């Protein structure tokens, strides 16, 4: 089991912030007004990068003290100090930590704006309401695909088919909710539960030369997972829920080799007692693989093969996203939904709704996500690959009838940033061979909060590093 980074959270993220980013190659700000809890940095005139008030105060102090850390000719910093470079011409001399802070704030600037907009994807351009409709998953049990601006009910995968061809995922970078150190709600310490979370993947390296092999299931097999914590289930046992997209190898001889999107409800007590033979209840929808490339040695008639996450036909920075959330809309009790956007499928998005048999409501306090092995504890092995992963979680649903986000900004002491802390843990059996990095240099994942949104943003890559003083030579792993 590999070590995993944990993002601890205990308040609400925005569902639209989690899902709308699926359709953005780059978020564009409608305005430079900062989200609640952030202010303009003002390191130089017109510097409207949004930062915490503490960072702004630090920047002002650095500006005041700059002369004492600059050489007399003004061209260099004294030993131990470096240019801050908050902007292209920012040559205020600061500590290396302050320079790194400025770099991180610049990278996360767009996530801290009060409002953002995203460009239309071509298939949505003819319908201004398509994107909004895509996020409005039908509030009923069943399996659904989104096409032509509307959701359509489609057949779920028979459970016996799932059990035969797709192993259950076993219990990774995660988001955990902790109790606050003060008293609320009838004098008891409280932890706000998570309602929605997502995992988004995109390539930083050239996906056309990447390869992916699952240790148990072969080439191009993997899963994209959004996992909850273990929690006390309604039947007295230990419960667990996983929102998972699972992808098998492309095999023309296997009629069940398409991907599936599932809500796996797990009775962990029964699973442990039966060596994982029982206790797993999946509800899944088929996600077909329709991106076909052609090569003389490929298995499909005429030499074609179907491609998903890696290989020819995949674009750099192309995104795949899986989300899970809890809903109590209507009078039918609590439902659990898995939602996915993958660029290799015919519908724009897919969703699965199922009754909450485990009692996840109010007990979801941790979420983890990554691209890892298909299931059964397998490992996804990448070569010549670097992947960006963005994990997010929420305890409210923007515009939702259940668990709605506050219409007014909440006090800073109750906002997500005051609850969240990054940690390290290991919580899953499926793995990958990617090591945490950022910009190809060893780096902790970048953790940020804006208003009621917190994000764990990191890139991973199989690579070796050779260091010569401050010079890092980078090579992706594998021949």
Protein backbone atom coordinates (compact mmCIF):
# COMPACT_ATOMS: atom_id res chain seq x y z
CA UNK A 1 0.00 0.00 0.00
CA UNK A 2 1.44 3.34 -1.00
CA UNK A 3 1.42 6.43 1.16
CA UNK A 4 -1.38 8.79 0.35
CA UNK A 5 -1.91 12.49 0.87
CA UNK A 6 -5.00 13.45 2.86
CA UNK A 7 -6.91 16.69 2.65
CA UNK A 8 -8.93 17.16 5.84
CA UNK A 9 -12.19 19.08 5.40
CA UNK A 10 -15.33 19.77 7.36
CA UNK A 11 -17.56 22.14 5.42
CA UNK A 12 -19.17 22.69 2.03
CA UNK A 13 -17.75 22.87 -1.51
CA UNK A 14 -19.81 23.91 -4.53
CA UNK A 15 -21.18 21.23 -6.85
CA UNK A 16 -20.99 23.56 -9.81
CA UNK A 17 -17.34 24.28 -9.06
CA UNK A 18 -16.70 20.52 -9.00
CA UNK A 19 -18.61 19.60 -12.15
CA UNK A 20 -18.45 22.66 -14.40
CA UNK A 21 -14.67 22.46 -14.48
CA UNK A 22 -15.09 19.25 -16.51
CA UNK A 23 -15.96 21.39 -19.48
CA UNK A 24 -13.19 23.96 -19.09
CA UNK A 25 -9.82 23.66 -20.73
CA UNK A 26 -8.99 26.78 -18.76
CA UNK A 27 -11.30 28.73 -16.41
CA UNK A 28 -11.80 32.35 -17.40
CA UNK A 29 -12.68 34.96 -14.83
CA UNK A 30 -15.76 37.06 -15.36
CA UNK A 31 -14.34 39.54 -12.85
CA UNK A 32 -11.34 39.83 -10.57
CA UNK A 33 -13.46 40.02 -7.43
CA UNK A 34 -12.16 37.53 -4.88
CA UNK A 35 -14.18 34.75 -3.29
CA UNK A 36 -15.12 35.05 0.37
CA UNK A 37 -12.05 34.87 2.61
CA UNK A 38 -9.61 36.18 -0.01
CA UNK A 39 -8.29 39.66 -0.86
CA UNK A 40 -6.14 41.18 -3.60
CA UNK A 41 -2.44 40.59 -3.00
CA UNK A 42 -1.33 44.04 -4.26
CA UNK A 43 2.35 43.13 -4.52
CA UNK A 44 2.54 45.79 -7.24
CA UNK A 45 -0.01 48.11 -8.94
CA UNK A 46 -2.93 46.17 -10.47
CA UNK A 47 -1.88 42.92 -8.77
CA UNK A 48 -5.32 41.37 -8.30
CA UNK A 49 -4.24 37.81 -7.50
CA UNK A 50 -6.49 36.65 -4.65
CA UNK A 51 -4.72 35.53 -1.48
CA UNK A 52 -5.48 35.16 2.20
CA UNK A 53 -5.36 38.35 4.30
CA UNK A 54 -2.29 36.95 6.08
CA UNK A 55 -0.41 36.61 2.79
CA UNK A 56 -1.35 40.14 1.75
CA UNK A 57 0.02 41.48 5.04
CA UNK A 58 3.21 39.47 4.50
CA UNK A 59 3.54 40.95 0.98
CA UNK A 60 3.11 44.51 2.25
CA UNK A 61 5.80 43.96 4.88
CA UNK A 62 8.14 42.48 2.25
CA UNK A 63 7.63 45.55 0.07
CA UNK A 64 8.49 47.85 2.99
CA UNK A 65 11.60 45.86 3.89
CA UNK A 66 12.81 45.26 0.34
CA UNK A 67 15.66 47.85 0.36
CA UNK A 68 17.53 46.17 3.20
CA UNK A 69 17.64 42.88 1.27
CA UNK A 70 18.74 44.43 -2.04
CA UNK A 71 22.34 45.17 -3.03
CA UNK A 72 23.35 48.82 -3.29
CA UNK A 73 23.25 48.80 -7.09
CA UNK A 74 19.71 47.40 -6.93
CA UNK A 75 20.45 44.61 -9.39
CA UNK A 76 20.63 41.63 -7.02
CA UNK A 77 19.41 40.34 -3.68
CA UNK A 78 21.70 39.88 -0.71
CA UNK A 79 22.74 36.28 0.05
CA UNK A 80 19.85 34.18 1.32
CA UNK A 81 17.19 36.16 -0.57
CA UNK A 82 15.68 35.86 -4.05
CA UNK A 83 13.42 37.88 -6.32
CA UNK A 84 9.77 37.25 -5.49
CA UNK A 85 8.57 37.28 -9.11
CA UNK A 86 4.88 37.59 -8.24
CA UNK A 87 4.76 39.20 -11.69
CA UNK A 88 7.20 39.32 -14.63
CA UNK A 89 8.90 42.48 -13.31
CA UNK A 90 8.52 41.87 -9.59
CA UNK A 91 12.08 42.07 -8.22
CA UNK A 92 11.33 42.53 -4.54
CA UNK A 93 13.86 40.48 -2.56
CA UNK A 94 12.23 37.93 -0.25
CA UNK A 95 12.97 34.58 1.35
CA UNK A 96 12.68 31.44 -0.76
CA UNK A 97 9.52 30.48 1.15
CA UNK A 98 7.91 33.79 0.20
CA UNK A 99 8.87 33.30 -3.43
CA UNK A 100 7.34 29.81 -3.37
CA UNK A 101 4.20 31.26 -1.79
CA UNK A 102 3.88 33.78 -4.63
CA UNK A 103 4.33 31.05 -7.22
CA UNK A 104 1.64 28.91 -5.61
CA UNK A 105 -0.77 31.85 -5.31
CA UNK A 106 -0.30 32.64 -9.00
CA UNK A 107 -1.02 29.03 -9.94
CA UNK A 108 -4.22 28.94 -7.90
CA UNK A 109 -5.42 32.45 -8.75
CA UNK A 110 -8.41 31.45 -10.87
CA UNK A 111 -9.73 29.05 -8.22
CA UNK A 112 -10.10 31.95 -5.77
CA UNK A 113 -12.27 34.26 -7.85
CA UNK A 114 -15.84 34.93 -6.82
CA UNK A 115 -17.20 33.94 -10.22
CA UNK A 116 -15.82 32.15 -13.23
CA UNK A 117 -17.09 31.12 -16.61
CA UNK A 118 -15.89 28.40 -18.97
CA UNK A 119 -15.89 28.06 -22.76
CA UNK A 120 -18.54 25.94 -24.47
CA UNK A 121 -17.63 22.51 -25.71
CA UNK A 122 -18.70 22.13 -29.36
CA UNK A 123 -21.54 19.70 -28.51
CA UNK A 124 -23.00 22.24 -26.06
CA UNK A 125 -22.63 25.37 -28.17
CA UNK A 126 -26.10 25.14 -29.75
CA UNK A 127 -27.95 25.06 -26.42
CA UNK A 128 -27.21 27.67 -23.78
CA UNK A 129 -28.90 25.52 -21.13
CA UNK A 130 -27.10 22.28 -21.91
CA UNK A 131 -24.39 22.62 -19.31
CA UNK A 132 -26.86 23.47 -16.55
CA UNK A 133 -29.04 20.54 -17.59
CA UNK A 134 -26.04 18.20 -17.54
CA UNK A 135 -25.50 18.97 -13.88
CA UNK A 136 -29.18 18.44 -13.03
CA UNK A 137 -29.09 14.65 -12.72
CA UNK A 138 -32.60 13.10 -12.63
CA UNK A 139 -33.62 12.77 -8.98
CA UNK A 140 -34.69 9.14 -9.10
CA UNK A 141 -33.13 5.72 -9.02
CA UNK A 142 -31.84 4.35 -12.30
CA UNK A 143 -29.14 4.77 -14.95
CA UNK A 144 -28.90 7.77 -17.25
CA UNK A 145 -27.00 9.21 -20.21
CA UNK A 146 -26.88 12.87 -21.25
CA UNK A 147 -27.29 13.67 -24.95
CA UNK A 148 -28.82 16.45 -27.08
CA UNK A 149 -29.22 18.74 -24.07
CA UNK A 150 -31.22 16.31 -21.90
CA UNK A 151 -30.92 13.25 -19.67
CA UNK A 152 -32.25 9.93 -20.99
CA UNK A 153 -32.91 6.83 -18.91
CA UNK A 154 -30.92 3.85 -20.14
CA UNK A 155 -30.58 0.26 -18.97
CA UNK A 156 -28.46 -0.51 -15.93
CA UNK A 157 -25.89 -3.30 -16.16
CA UNK A 158 -27.23 -6.58 -14.71
CA UNK A 159 -25.59 -7.24 -11.36
CA UNK A 160 -24.48 -10.72 -12.44
CA UNK A 161 -22.60 -9.17 -15.38
CA UNK A 162 -20.84 -6.72 -13.08
CA UNK A 163 -19.83 -9.49 -10.69
CA UNK A 164 -18.53 -11.67 -13.51
CA UNK A 165 -16.45 -9.10 -15.38
CA UNK A 166 -15.65 -6.34 -12.87
CA UNK A 167 -14.09 -7.04 -9.48
CA UNK A 168 -15.18 -4.89 -6.53
CA UNK A 169 -12.70 -2.12 -5.72
CA UNK A 170 -10.94 -2.66 -2.42
CA UNK A 171 -10.89 -0.21 0.53
CA UNK A 172 -5.74 7.27 -1.56
CA UNK A 173 -5.17 11.05 -1.88
CA UNK A 174 -8.16 11.91 0.29
CA UNK A 175 -10.26 14.57 1.95
CA UNK A 176 -11.25 13.94 5.57
CA UNK A 177 -13.58 15.93 7.78
CA UNK A 178 -12.43 16.57 11.35
CA UNK A 179 -14.20 17.96 14.41
CA UNK A 180 -13.62 21.59 15.12
CA UNK A 181 -12.13 22.61 18.44
CA UNK A 182 -15.13 24.68 19.50
CA UNK A 183 -18.70 23.93 20.47
CA UNK A 184 -21.75 24.34 18.26
CA UNK A 185 -25.18 22.77 17.90
CA UNK A 186 -26.50 22.15 21.40
CA UNK A 187 -23.06 22.41 22.97
CA UNK A 188 -21.55 19.44 21.14
CA UNK A 189 -18.44 19.56 18.93
CA UNK A 190 -19.49 19.02 15.32
CA UNK A 191 -18.11 17.87 11.98
CA UNK A 192 -19.96 18.93 8.85
CA UNK A 193 -20.45 15.91 6.55
CA UNK A 194 -19.44 15.79 2.90
CA UNK A 195 -22.25 15.73 0.32
CA UNK A 196 -20.32 15.67 -2.95
CA UNK A 197 -16.80 14.93 -4.16
CA UNK A 198 -14.97 14.39 -7.42
CA UNK A 199 -11.72 13.23 -9.00
CA UNK A 200 -10.53 14.84 -12.25
CA UNK A 201 -7.61 13.53 -14.33
CA UNK A 202 -5.73 15.13 -17.22
CA UNK A 203 -2.45 14.44 -19.02
CA UNK A 204 0.56 16.66 -18.51
CA UNK A 205 2.71 14.44 -20.73
CA UNK A 206 2.08 13.26 -24.29
CA UNK A 207 -0.71 10.66 -23.97
CA UNK A 208 0.02 9.26 -27.42
CA UNK A 209 3.24 7.68 -26.14
CA UNK A 210 1.86 6.70 -22.72
CA UNK A 211 1.12 3.09 -21.83
CA UNK A 212 -0.99 1.66 -19.02
CA UNK A 213 -1.07 -1.95 -17.81
CA UNK A 214 -3.04 -3.34 -14.87
CA UNK A 215 -1.16 -6.00 -12.92
CA UNK A 216 -4.21 -8.32 -12.85
CA UNK A 217 -6.26 -7.39 -15.91
CA UNK A 218 -3.82 -6.33 -18.60
CA UNK A 219 -3.31 -3.44 -20.97
CA UNK A 220 -5.41 -0.26 -20.64
CA UNK A 221 -7.34 -1.48 -17.58
CA UNK A 222 -7.86 0.99 -14.72
CA UNK A 223 -10.41 2.63 -12.45
CA UNK A 224 -11.12 6.24 -11.52
CA UNK A 225 -12.36 6.18 -7.95
CA UNK A 226 -14.15 8.48 -5.52
CA UNK A 227 -14.27 6.67 -2.17
CA UNK A 228 -15.93 7.50 1.12
CA UNK A 229 -14.66 6.64 4.57
CA UNK A 230 -15.76 3.60 6.56
CA UNK A 231 -18.78 4.60 8.67
CA UNK A 232 -21.34 3.05 11.08
CA UNK A 233 -24.00 1.61 8.76
CA UNK A 234 -27.71 1.51 9.57
CA UNK A 235 -27.59 -2.26 10.20
CA UNK A 236 -24.91 -1.89 12.88
CA UNK A 237 -22.08 -3.09 10.65
CA UNK A 238 -19.35 -0.98 9.06
CA UNK A 239 -20.46 0.62 5.79
CA UNK A 240 -18.56 2.04 2.84
CA UNK A 241 -19.49 3.58 -0.55
CA UNK A 242 -17.43 3.91 -3.72
CA UNK A 243 -18.31 5.93 -6.83
CA UNK A 244 -16.17 4.31 -9.52
CA UNK A 245 -15.59 4.23 -13.27
CA UNK A 246 -13.98 0.87 -14.18
CA UNK A 247 -12.36 0.18 -17.55
CA UNK A 248 -11.40 -3.27 -18.86
CA UNK A 249 -8.96 -4.00 -21.70
CA UNK A 250 -10.39 -3.60 -25.19
CA UNK A 251 -11.34 -7.12 -26.37
CA UNK A 252 -13.48 -7.68 -29.50
CA UNK A 253 -14.24 -11.22 -28.31
CA UNK A 254 -15.74 -9.98 -25.03
CA UNK A 255 -19.19 -8.35 -25.38
CA UNK A 256 -18.84 -6.92 -21.86
CA UNK A 257 -15.56 -5.06 -22.28
CA UNK A 258 -17.09 -1.56 -22.19
CA UNK A 259 -16.51 0.66 -19.18
CA UNK A 260 -19.02 0.87 -16.34
CA UNK A 261 -19.89 3.65 -13.87
CA UNK A 262 -20.99 2.27 -10.50
CA UNK A 263 -22.18 3.06 -7.04
CA UNK A 264 -20.67 0.25 -4.96
CA UNK A 265 -22.38 -0.02 -1.55
CA UNK A 266 -20.27 -2.17 0.73
CA UNK A 267 -20.98 -3.92 4.02
CA UNK A 268 -17.37 -4.01 5.20
CA UNK A 269 -18.17 -6.33 8.11
CA UNK A 270 -19.60 -8.98 5.77
CA UNK A 271 -16.84 -8.43 3.21
CA UNK A 272 -14.14 -9.00 5.82
CA UNK A 273 -15.90 -12.11 7.18
CA UNK A 274 -16.18 -13.66 3.70
CA UNK A 275 -12.78 -12.66 2.27
CA UNK A 276 -14.58 -10.19 -0.03
CA UNK A 277 -16.83 -12.87 -1.49
CA UNK A 278 -19.96 -11.06 -0.25
CA UNK A 279 -20.98 -7.68 1.07
CA UNK A 280 -20.58 -5.72 -2.20
CA UNK A 281 -23.74 -4.40 -3.92
CA UNK A 282 -23.11 -2.61 -7.26
CA UNK A 283 -25.49 -0.51 -9.35
CA UNK A 284 -23.86 0.33 -12.69
CA UNK A 285 -24.44 1.84 -16.11
CA UNK A 286 -22.50 0.94 -19.26
CA UNK A 287 -20.13 3.63 -20.57
CA UNK A 288 -19.23 2.54 -24.13
CA UNK A 289 -15.80 3.04 -25.63
CA UNK A 290 -16.31 4.74 -28.98
CA UNK A 291 -12.95 6.36 -29.72
CA UNK A 292 -11.40 4.12 -32.37
CA UNK A 293 -7.91 4.45 -33.84
CA UNK A 294 -6.50 2.31 -36.60
CA UNK A 295 -3.35 0.24 -36.76
CA UNK A 296 -2.40 -2.89 -38.75
CA UNK A 297 -1.74 -5.04 -35.68
CA UNK A 298 -4.82 -4.09 -33.65
CA UNK A 299 -7.52 -6.58 -32.80
CA UNK A 300 -10.68 -5.04 -34.25
CA UNK A 301 -11.74 -5.92 -37.82
CA UNK A 302 -9.73 -3.84 -40.22
CA UNK A 303 -6.99 -3.22 -37.65
CA UNK A 304 -8.69 -0.83 -35.25
CA UNK A 305 -8.70 -0.59 -31.46
CA UNK A 306 -10.73 1.39 -28.94
CA UNK A 307 -8.80 3.92 -26.86
CA UNK A 308 -9.71 5.46 -23.51
CA UNK A 309 -7.22 7.26 -21.24
CA UNK A 310 -3.89 6.69 -23.01
CA UNK A 311 -2.68 6.07 -26.54
CA UNK A 312 -3.12 7.58 -30.04
CA UNK A 313 -6.24 9.69 -30.34
CA UNK A 314 -5.99 11.06 -26.80
CA UNK A 315 -5.22 14.77 -26.47
CA UNK A 316 -2.83 16.38 -24.00
CA UNK A 317 -4.74 18.03 -21.12
CA UNK A 318 -7.85 16.03 -22.00
CA UNK A 319 -9.98 15.58 -18.87
CA UNK A 320 -11.88 12.65 -17.40
CA UNK A 321 -13.97 13.16 -14.28
CA UNK A 322 -15.92 11.06 -11.78
CA UNK A 323 -18.09 12.45 -8.98
CA UNK A 324 -20.31 11.06 -6.25
CA UNK A 325 -22.90 12.80 -4.13
CA UNK A 326 -25.70 12.38 -1.59
CA UNK A 327 -29.18 13.76 -2.30
CA UNK A 328 -32.42 13.93 -0.31
CA UNK A 329 -34.53 15.73 -2.93
CA UNK A 330 -38.16 14.70 -3.02
CA UNK A 331 -39.90 12.28 -0.64
CA UNK A 332 -38.05 9.10 -1.57
CA UNK A 333 -35.39 9.26 1.13
CA UNK A 334 -31.66 9.51 0.60
CA UNK A 335 -30.13 8.57 -2.75
CA UNK A 336 -26.53 8.17 -3.83
CA UNK A 337 -25.41 9.26 -7.29
CA UNK A 338 -22.33 8.54 -9.36
CA UNK A 339 -21.68 11.00 -12.21
CA UNK A 340 -18.98 10.84 -14.88
CA UNK A 341 -17.69 12.68 -17.91
CA UNK A 342 -15.26 10.76 -20.12
CA UNK A 343 -14.26 11.94 -23.60
CA UNK A 344 -14.23 8.47 -25.14
CA UNK A 345 -17.97 7.79 -24.64
CA UNK A 346 -20.95 8.67 -26.91
CA UNK A 347 -23.00 10.55 -24.29
CA UNK A 348 -21.65 13.77 -22.78
CA UNK A 349 -22.16 12.46 -19.24
CA UNK A 350 -23.46 9.43 -17.37
CA UNK A 351 -25.15 9.03 -14.00
CA UNK A 352 -26.36 6.29 -11.66
CA UNK A 353 -28.88 6.84 -8.85
CA UNK A 354 -29.54 4.32 -6.09
CA UNK A 355 -31.24 4.28 -2.69
CA UNK A 356 -28.82 4.71 0.22
CA UNK A 357 -28.96 1.30 1.90
CA UNK A 358 -25.90 1.91 4.09
CA UNK A 359 -26.86 5.19 5.76
CA UNK A 360 -24.11 7.38 4.28
CA UNK A 361 -26.07 10.59 4.92
CA UNK A 362 -24.40 12.62 7.70
CA UNK A 363 -21.64 9.99 8.00
CA UNK A 364 -19.53 10.88 4.97
CA UNK A 365 -16.42 12.42 6.51
CA UNK A 366 -13.64 11.40 4.10
CA UNK A 367 -13.21 11.18 0.35
CA UNK A 368 -10.31 9.84 -1.70
CA UNK A 369 -9.73 9.73 -5.43
CA UNK A 370 -7.21 8.75 -8.09
CA UNK A 371 -6.69 6.72 -11.26
CA UNK A 372 -5.56 3.31 -10.02
CA UNK A 373 -6.01 -0.44 -10.61
CA UNK A 374 -9.26 -1.86 -11.98
CA UNK A 375 -10.20 -3.68 -8.77
CA UNK A 376 -9.41 -6.50 -6.40
CA UNK A 377 -6.28 -4.74 -5.16
CA UNK A 378 -4.59 -4.49 -8.57
CA UNK A 379 -2.09 -1.81 -9.61
CA UNK A 380 -2.20 0.46 -12.66
CA UNK A 381 1.33 0.72 -14.06
CA UNK A 382 2.04 3.74 -16.26
CA UNK A 383 5.05 4.36 -18.51
CA UNK A 384 6.09 7.68 -20.04
CA UNK A 385 3.14 9.29 -18.28
CA UNK A 386 2.52 12.31 -16.08
CA UNK A 387 -1.02 12.92 -14.86
CA UNK A 388 -2.61 15.90 -13.15
CA UNK A 389 -5.14 14.96 -10.46
CA UNK A 390 -7.61 17.36 -8.86
CA UNK A 391 -9.59 16.06 -5.87
CA UNK A 392 -12.45 18.13 -4.47
CA UNK A 393 -15.27 17.60 -1.96
CA UNK A 394 -18.42 19.40 -0.82
CA UNK A 395 -20.91 19.50 1.98
CA UNK A 396 -23.49 21.54 0.07
CA UNK A 397 -25.00 21.47 -3.39
CA UNK A 398 -25.19 24.76 -5.28
CA UNK A 399 -28.77 25.34 -6.36
CA UNK A 400 -29.82 21.98 -4.93
CA UNK A 401 -33.03 21.30 -3.04
CA UNK A 402 -31.15 19.14 -0.57
CA UNK A 403 -28.19 20.47 1.41
CA UNK A 404 -28.23 23.82 -0.46
CA UNK A 405 -25.24 26.10 -0.23
CA UNK A 406 -25.81 29.27 1.82
CA UNK A 407 -27.22 32.16 -0.20
CA UNK A 408 -24.97 34.57 1.71
CA UNK A 409 -21.26 34.18 2.54
CA UNK A 410 -20.79 32.37 5.82
CA UNK A 411 -18.51 33.80 8.54
CA UNK A 412 -14.80 33.13 7.88
CA UNK A 413 -14.46 31.02 11.02
CA UNK A 414 -17.05 28.61 9.61
CA UNK A 415 -15.69 28.57 6.05
CA UNK A 416 -13.88 25.54 4.69
CA UNK A 417 -10.44 27.07 4.99
CA UNK A 418 -10.70 27.18 8.77
CA UNK A 419 -11.48 23.45 8.91
CA UNK A 420 -9.16 22.02 6.28
CA UNK A 421 -5.64 20.69 6.78
CA UNK A 422 -3.53 18.45 4.50
CA UNK A 423 -2.27 15.15 5.93
CA UNK A 424 -0.72 11.85 4.81
CA UNK A 425 -2.38 8.43 5.05
CA UNK A 426 -3.01 5.20 3.13
CA UNK A 427 -6.60 4.02 2.65
CA UNK A 428 -6.98 1.82 -0.44
CA UNK A 429 -5.86 -1.51 -1.87
CA UNK A 430 -5.78 -0.50 -5.54
CA UNK A 431 -2.68 1.49 -6.43
CA UNK A 432 -0.65 2.98 -9.25
CA UNK A 433 3.09 3.28 -9.82
CA UNK A 434 3.10 7.09 -10.01
CA UNK A 435 5.09 9.15 -7.53
CA UNK A 436 3.86 12.53 -6.34
CA UNK A 437 5.52 15.45 -8.10
CA UNK A 438 4.64 18.92 -9.28
CA UNK A 439 6.12 20.39 -12.45
CA UNK A 440 8.34 17.26 -12.56
CA UNK A 441 9.97 18.15 -9.23
CA UNK A 442 9.35 16.43 -5.90
CA UNK A 443 6.55 18.47 -4.37
CA UNK A 444 3.69 18.08 -1.92
CA UNK A 445 0.24 18.37 -3.53
CA UNK A 446 -1.00 21.96 -3.67
CA UNK A 447 -3.84 22.51 -1.21
CA UNK A 448 -6.06 25.57 -1.50
CA UNK A 449 -9.43 26.82 -0.30
CA UNK A 450 -11.57 29.56 -1.82
CA UNK A 451 -14.79 30.45 -0.08
CA UNK A 452 -16.55 27.13 0.43
CA UNK A 453 -14.29 25.21 -1.96
CA UNK A 454 -11.12 23.29 -1.12
CA UNK A 455 -8.96 21.53 -3.69
CA UNK A 456 -6.09 19.07 -3.62
CA UNK A 457 -4.20 19.58 -6.88
CA UNK A 458 -1.16 17.52 -7.78
CA UNK A 459 0.59 15.84 -10.66
CA UNK A 460 2.14 12.41 -10.62
CA UNK A 461 4.67 10.75 -12.85
CA UNK A 462 6.86 7.67 -13.06
CA UNK A 463 10.27 9.33 -13.32
CA UNK A 464 13.79 9.49 -11.96
CA UNK A 465 15.49 12.60 -10.60
CA UNK A 466 19.19 13.36 -10.61
CA UNK A 467 20.17 16.43 -8.59
CA UNK A 468 23.19 18.66 -9.14
CA UNK A 469 23.01 21.38 -6.51
CA UNK A 470 19.85 23.26 -7.52
CA UNK A 471 19.61 21.80 -11.01
CA UNK A 472 17.14 18.95 -11.52
CA UNK A 473 17.38 16.72 -14.59
CA UNK A 474 14.01 15.14 -15.31
CA UNK A 475 13.25 11.93 -17.20
CA UNK A 476 9.92 10.10 -17.30
CA UNK A 477 10.15 6.52 -16.11
CA UNK A 478 10.30 3.58 -18.51
CA UNK A 479 12.02 3.18 -21.86
